[in-house]
N, C-alpha and C. Protein backbone atom coordinates (compact mmCIF):
# COMPACT_ATOMS: atom_id res chain seq x y z
N MET A 1 15.81 -15.32 9.48
CA MET A 1 14.84 -14.26 9.30
C MET A 1 14.60 -14.00 7.81
N ALA A 2 15.69 -13.93 7.04
CA ALA A 2 15.55 -13.68 5.60
C ALA A 2 14.78 -14.81 4.92
N ALA A 3 14.98 -16.05 5.40
CA ALA A 3 14.27 -17.19 4.82
C ALA A 3 12.78 -17.08 5.08
N VAL A 4 12.40 -16.60 6.26
CA VAL A 4 11.00 -16.45 6.60
C VAL A 4 10.36 -15.39 5.71
N ILE A 5 11.05 -14.26 5.51
CA ILE A 5 10.52 -13.19 4.66
C ILE A 5 10.42 -13.67 3.23
N SER A 6 11.43 -14.37 2.74
CA SER A 6 11.41 -14.89 1.38
C SER A 6 10.26 -15.87 1.21
N SER A 7 10.07 -16.73 2.19
CA SER A 7 8.98 -17.70 2.14
C SER A 7 7.63 -17.00 2.14
N ALA A 8 7.49 -15.98 2.97
CA ALA A 8 6.24 -15.22 3.03
C ALA A 8 5.97 -14.52 1.70
N ALA A 9 7.01 -13.95 1.10
CA ALA A 9 6.85 -13.27 -0.19
C ALA A 9 6.45 -14.26 -1.27
N GLN A 10 7.06 -15.43 -1.27
CA GLN A 10 6.71 -16.46 -2.25
C GLN A 10 5.27 -16.92 -2.05
N SER A 11 4.88 -17.07 -0.78
CA SER A 11 3.52 -17.49 -0.47
C SER A 11 2.51 -16.44 -0.92
N LEU A 12 2.83 -15.16 -0.67
CA LEU A 12 1.96 -14.08 -1.11
C LEU A 12 1.85 -14.06 -2.63
N SER A 13 2.97 -14.21 -3.30
CA SER A 13 2.96 -14.23 -4.77
C SER A 13 2.09 -15.37 -5.29
N ALA A 14 2.19 -16.54 -4.67
CA ALA A 14 1.39 -17.68 -5.09
C ALA A 14 -0.09 -17.41 -4.88
N LEU A 15 -0.44 -16.83 -3.74
CA LEU A 15 -1.85 -16.51 -3.48
C LEU A 15 -2.38 -15.46 -4.44
N LEU A 16 -1.57 -14.47 -4.74
CA LEU A 16 -2.00 -13.41 -5.65
C LEU A 16 -2.21 -13.93 -7.06
N ARG A 17 -1.42 -14.90 -7.46
CA ARG A 17 -1.60 -15.49 -8.80
C ARG A 17 -2.93 -16.22 -8.91
N GLN A 18 -3.45 -16.69 -7.77
CA GLN A 18 -4.71 -17.44 -7.78
C GLN A 18 -5.93 -16.54 -7.76
N THR A 19 -5.76 -15.28 -7.45
CA THR A 19 -6.90 -14.38 -7.33
C THR A 19 -7.17 -13.68 -8.66
N HIS A 20 -8.36 -13.16 -8.77
CA HIS A 20 -8.71 -12.37 -9.94
C HIS A 20 -8.29 -10.93 -9.69
N LEU A 21 -7.94 -10.23 -10.73
CA LEU A 21 -7.45 -8.86 -10.57
C LEU A 21 -8.47 -7.94 -9.92
N ASP A 22 -9.75 -8.23 -10.07
CA ASP A 22 -10.79 -7.37 -9.51
C ASP A 22 -11.24 -7.81 -8.12
N ASP A 23 -10.67 -8.87 -7.60
CA ASP A 23 -11.08 -9.42 -6.31
C ASP A 23 -10.20 -8.86 -5.20
N HIS A 24 -10.44 -7.61 -4.84
CA HIS A 24 -9.59 -6.92 -3.89
C HIS A 24 -9.71 -7.45 -2.46
N GLU A 25 -10.88 -7.99 -2.12
CA GLU A 25 -11.05 -8.61 -0.79
C GLU A 25 -10.12 -9.82 -0.66
N GLU A 26 -10.01 -10.61 -1.72
CA GLU A 26 -9.13 -11.78 -1.69
C GLU A 26 -7.66 -11.36 -1.63
N VAL A 27 -7.32 -10.31 -2.33
CA VAL A 27 -5.95 -9.79 -2.29
C VAL A 27 -5.63 -9.32 -0.87
N LEU A 28 -6.59 -8.65 -0.25
CA LEU A 28 -6.41 -8.19 1.13
C LEU A 28 -6.23 -9.37 2.08
N LYS A 29 -7.03 -10.40 1.91
CA LYS A 29 -6.90 -11.61 2.75
C LYS A 29 -5.52 -12.25 2.57
N ALA A 30 -5.04 -12.30 1.32
CA ALA A 30 -3.72 -12.89 1.05
C ALA A 30 -2.62 -12.07 1.70
N ALA A 31 -2.74 -10.75 1.63
CA ALA A 31 -1.74 -9.89 2.26
C ALA A 31 -1.76 -10.06 3.78
N ASN A 32 -2.96 -10.14 4.35
CA ASN A 32 -3.06 -10.34 5.80
C ASN A 32 -2.46 -11.67 6.22
N ALA A 33 -2.68 -12.71 5.41
CA ALA A 33 -2.11 -14.02 5.72
C ALA A 33 -0.58 -13.96 5.68
N ALA A 34 -0.04 -13.28 4.70
CA ALA A 34 1.42 -13.14 4.61
C ALA A 34 1.96 -12.34 5.79
N LEU A 35 1.21 -11.33 6.22
CA LEU A 35 1.66 -10.50 7.34
C LEU A 35 1.58 -11.25 8.68
N LYS A 36 0.71 -12.24 8.77
CA LYS A 36 0.67 -13.07 9.98
C LYS A 36 1.97 -13.85 10.12
N LYS A 37 2.55 -14.24 9.00
CA LYS A 37 3.81 -14.99 9.01
C LYS A 37 5.00 -14.07 9.27
N SER A 38 4.93 -12.86 8.73
CA SER A 38 6.04 -11.91 8.88
C SER A 38 5.49 -10.50 8.84
N LYS A 39 5.33 -9.88 10.00
CA LYS A 39 4.76 -8.54 10.08
C LYS A 39 5.61 -7.49 9.37
N SER A 40 6.88 -7.78 9.18
CA SER A 40 7.78 -6.80 8.55
C SER A 40 7.89 -6.99 7.04
N ASP A 41 7.05 -7.83 6.45
CA ASP A 41 7.09 -8.10 5.01
C ASP A 41 6.62 -6.85 4.25
N LEU A 42 7.57 -6.11 3.72
CA LEU A 42 7.27 -4.85 3.04
C LEU A 42 6.37 -5.05 1.82
N GLU A 43 6.61 -6.11 1.09
CA GLU A 43 5.78 -6.41 -0.10
C GLU A 43 4.33 -6.63 0.31
N ALA A 44 4.10 -7.41 1.34
CA ALA A 44 2.74 -7.69 1.81
C ALA A 44 2.08 -6.42 2.34
N GLN A 45 2.83 -5.59 3.03
CA GLN A 45 2.29 -4.33 3.53
C GLN A 45 1.85 -3.44 2.37
N HIS A 46 2.69 -3.37 1.34
CA HIS A 46 2.37 -2.55 0.17
C HIS A 46 1.13 -3.09 -0.54
N VAL A 47 1.07 -4.39 -0.72
CA VAL A 47 -0.10 -5.02 -1.35
C VAL A 47 -1.36 -4.71 -0.54
N LYS A 48 -1.24 -4.77 0.78
CA LYS A 48 -2.38 -4.48 1.64
C LYS A 48 -2.86 -3.04 1.46
N VAL A 49 -1.94 -2.11 1.39
CA VAL A 49 -2.30 -0.70 1.19
C VAL A 49 -3.06 -0.54 -0.13
N VAL A 50 -2.55 -1.13 -1.19
CA VAL A 50 -3.20 -1.02 -2.50
C VAL A 50 -4.59 -1.64 -2.46
N ALA A 51 -4.72 -2.81 -1.85
CA ALA A 51 -6.03 -3.46 -1.75
C ALA A 51 -7.01 -2.59 -0.97
N LEU A 52 -6.56 -2.00 0.12
CA LEU A 52 -7.43 -1.13 0.91
C LEU A 52 -7.86 0.09 0.10
N LEU A 53 -6.95 0.65 -0.68
CA LEU A 53 -7.32 1.78 -1.53
C LEU A 53 -8.35 1.37 -2.57
N LYS A 54 -8.18 0.20 -3.16
CA LYS A 54 -9.14 -0.29 -4.16
C LYS A 54 -10.51 -0.52 -3.55
N LEU A 55 -10.54 -0.80 -2.24
CA LEU A 55 -11.80 -1.02 -1.53
C LEU A 55 -12.35 0.27 -0.91
N ASP A 56 -11.73 1.40 -1.25
CA ASP A 56 -12.13 2.72 -0.73
C ASP A 56 -12.04 2.80 0.79
N ARG A 57 -11.08 2.10 1.37
CA ARG A 57 -10.85 2.11 2.82
C ARG A 57 -9.61 2.97 3.09
N PHE A 58 -9.76 4.26 2.86
CA PHE A 58 -8.63 5.18 2.88
C PHE A 58 -8.03 5.36 4.27
N ASP A 59 -8.88 5.44 5.29
CA ASP A 59 -8.35 5.58 6.66
C ASP A 59 -7.59 4.33 7.08
N ASP A 60 -8.08 3.16 6.67
CA ASP A 60 -7.36 1.91 6.98
C ASP A 60 -6.01 1.88 6.26
N ALA A 61 -6.00 2.35 5.02
CA ALA A 61 -4.74 2.39 4.27
C ALA A 61 -3.74 3.32 4.96
N LEU A 62 -4.21 4.45 5.44
CA LEU A 62 -3.33 5.38 6.15
C LEU A 62 -2.80 4.75 7.45
N ARG A 63 -3.64 4.00 8.13
CA ARG A 63 -3.22 3.33 9.35
C ARG A 63 -2.11 2.32 9.06
N VAL A 64 -2.27 1.55 8.00
CA VAL A 64 -1.26 0.57 7.61
C VAL A 64 0.04 1.28 7.24
N LEU A 65 -0.06 2.38 6.53
CA LEU A 65 1.14 3.16 6.16
C LEU A 65 1.85 3.68 7.41
N GLU A 66 1.09 4.16 8.38
CA GLU A 66 1.70 4.65 9.63
C GLU A 66 2.37 3.51 10.38
N GLU A 67 1.69 2.39 10.48
CA GLU A 67 2.25 1.24 11.19
C GLU A 67 3.46 0.67 10.47
N GLY A 68 3.49 0.79 9.14
CA GLY A 68 4.59 0.26 8.35
C GLY A 68 5.86 1.09 8.44
N GLY A 69 5.73 2.32 8.89
CA GLY A 69 6.90 3.17 9.08
C GLY A 69 7.39 3.85 7.81
N GLN A 70 8.54 4.47 7.95
CA GLN A 70 9.09 5.29 6.87
C GLN A 70 9.44 4.48 5.63
N GLN A 71 9.92 3.26 5.82
CA GLN A 71 10.30 2.44 4.67
C GLN A 71 9.10 2.16 3.77
N LEU A 72 7.96 1.85 4.36
CA LEU A 72 6.75 1.61 3.58
C LEU A 72 6.27 2.90 2.92
N LYS A 73 6.31 4.00 3.66
CA LYS A 73 5.87 5.28 3.10
C LYS A 73 6.73 5.68 1.90
N GLU A 74 8.02 5.40 1.97
CA GLU A 74 8.91 5.72 0.84
C GLU A 74 8.62 4.84 -0.36
N ARG A 75 8.31 3.59 -0.10
CA ARG A 75 8.02 2.65 -1.19
C ARG A 75 6.67 2.96 -1.84
N ALA A 76 5.71 3.40 -1.03
CA ALA A 76 4.34 3.60 -1.51
C ALA A 76 3.97 5.09 -1.48
N GLN A 77 4.82 5.93 -2.01
CA GLN A 77 4.58 7.38 -1.95
C GLN A 77 3.31 7.78 -2.69
N LEU A 78 3.09 7.22 -3.86
CA LEU A 78 1.88 7.55 -4.62
C LEU A 78 0.64 7.13 -3.84
N GLU A 79 0.66 5.91 -3.32
CA GLU A 79 -0.47 5.41 -2.56
C GLU A 79 -0.71 6.25 -1.30
N HIS A 80 0.40 6.67 -0.66
CA HIS A 80 0.28 7.49 0.54
C HIS A 80 -0.38 8.83 0.22
N ALA A 81 0.11 9.48 -0.83
CA ALA A 81 -0.46 10.77 -1.22
C ALA A 81 -1.93 10.61 -1.61
N TYR A 82 -2.26 9.56 -2.33
CA TYR A 82 -3.65 9.34 -2.76
C TYR A 82 -4.56 9.09 -1.56
N ALA A 83 -4.10 8.27 -0.62
CA ALA A 83 -4.89 7.98 0.58
C ALA A 83 -5.14 9.26 1.38
N LEU A 84 -4.12 10.08 1.52
CA LEU A 84 -4.28 11.35 2.23
C LEU A 84 -5.31 12.23 1.53
N TYR A 85 -5.19 12.33 0.22
CA TYR A 85 -6.13 13.15 -0.56
C TYR A 85 -7.57 12.65 -0.37
N LYS A 86 -7.76 11.34 -0.52
CA LYS A 86 -9.11 10.79 -0.42
C LYS A 86 -9.67 10.86 1.00
N ALA A 87 -8.78 10.91 1.99
CA ALA A 87 -9.23 11.02 3.38
C ALA A 87 -9.45 12.48 3.78
N GLY A 88 -9.25 13.40 2.85
CA GLY A 88 -9.52 14.80 3.12
C GLY A 88 -8.32 15.60 3.59
N ASN A 89 -7.12 15.05 3.46
CA ASN A 89 -5.90 15.75 3.86
C ASN A 89 -5.13 16.21 2.63
N SER A 90 -5.75 17.08 1.85
CA SER A 90 -5.15 17.53 0.59
C SER A 90 -3.80 18.20 0.78
N ALA A 91 -3.67 19.01 1.83
CA ALA A 91 -2.41 19.73 2.04
C ALA A 91 -1.26 18.76 2.27
N GLU A 92 -1.49 17.72 3.05
CA GLU A 92 -0.44 16.72 3.29
C GLU A 92 -0.13 15.95 2.01
N ALA A 93 -1.16 15.67 1.22
CA ALA A 93 -0.94 14.97 -0.05
C ALA A 93 -0.06 15.78 -0.97
N VAL A 94 -0.32 17.09 -1.03
CA VAL A 94 0.48 17.97 -1.88
C VAL A 94 1.92 18.04 -1.38
N GLU A 95 2.12 18.01 -0.06
CA GLU A 95 3.48 17.99 0.50
C GLU A 95 4.26 16.77 0.02
N ILE A 96 3.62 15.61 0.03
CA ILE A 96 4.29 14.39 -0.42
C ILE A 96 4.61 14.48 -1.90
N VAL A 97 3.65 14.96 -2.68
CA VAL A 97 3.86 15.09 -4.12
C VAL A 97 5.03 16.02 -4.40
N GLY A 98 5.12 17.10 -3.65
CA GLY A 98 6.19 18.07 -3.87
C GLY A 98 7.56 17.57 -3.47
N ALA A 99 7.60 16.55 -2.62
CA ALA A 99 8.87 16.06 -2.11
C ALA A 99 9.44 14.89 -2.91
N VAL A 100 8.73 14.40 -3.92
CA VAL A 100 9.18 13.23 -4.66
C VAL A 100 9.25 13.54 -6.15
N ASP A 101 9.78 12.57 -6.89
CA ASP A 101 9.80 12.70 -8.34
C ASP A 101 8.36 12.83 -8.85
N ARG A 102 8.19 13.67 -9.79
CA ARG A 102 6.85 13.99 -10.26
C ARG A 102 6.46 13.08 -11.42
N SER A 103 6.09 11.87 -11.07
CA SER A 103 5.63 10.91 -12.07
C SER A 103 4.22 11.31 -12.53
N ARG A 104 3.74 10.65 -13.53
CA ARG A 104 2.41 10.95 -14.06
C ARG A 104 1.35 10.76 -12.98
N GLY A 105 1.47 9.67 -12.21
CA GLY A 105 0.51 9.41 -11.14
C GLY A 105 0.54 10.49 -10.08
N MET A 106 1.73 10.95 -9.72
CA MET A 106 1.86 12.00 -8.71
C MET A 106 1.25 13.31 -9.22
N LEU A 107 1.43 13.60 -10.49
CA LEU A 107 0.83 14.81 -11.06
C LEU A 107 -0.69 14.75 -11.01
N HIS A 108 -1.26 13.56 -11.21
CA HIS A 108 -2.71 13.40 -11.11
C HIS A 108 -3.19 13.64 -9.69
N VAL A 109 -2.47 13.10 -8.71
CA VAL A 109 -2.85 13.31 -7.31
C VAL A 109 -2.75 14.79 -6.97
N GLU A 110 -1.69 15.42 -7.41
CA GLU A 110 -1.51 16.86 -7.14
C GLU A 110 -2.65 17.67 -7.75
N ALA A 111 -3.03 17.35 -8.96
CA ALA A 111 -4.11 18.09 -9.62
C ALA A 111 -5.43 17.90 -8.89
N GLN A 112 -5.68 16.69 -8.40
CA GLN A 112 -6.92 16.43 -7.68
C GLN A 112 -6.93 17.12 -6.32
N ALA A 113 -5.76 17.10 -5.66
CA ALA A 113 -5.70 17.70 -4.32
C ALA A 113 -5.75 19.20 -4.43
């Protein structure tokens, strides 16, 4: 199992190196391809959330976060709070911000929400 996850992570890394930083659709495709190999690949799930946010697909990002479970939500707290804020759930976004370390990014989300 660990070998499959490691292989998927390496494959995702290789695909991401081939894409342009502004090509979020390609990043999303690469993350989806990695997730086909291993649905539990936390790195690929996180990359997918970020790509969806960059594409202004906030409800889709929230769906991926929900499907990814608590481990993904803990890893992507800033992204989770931002997606909630952009989807119109400011109160929930502020709850997340209040429950974590207050990094610069979290302070920005809190101020916007």
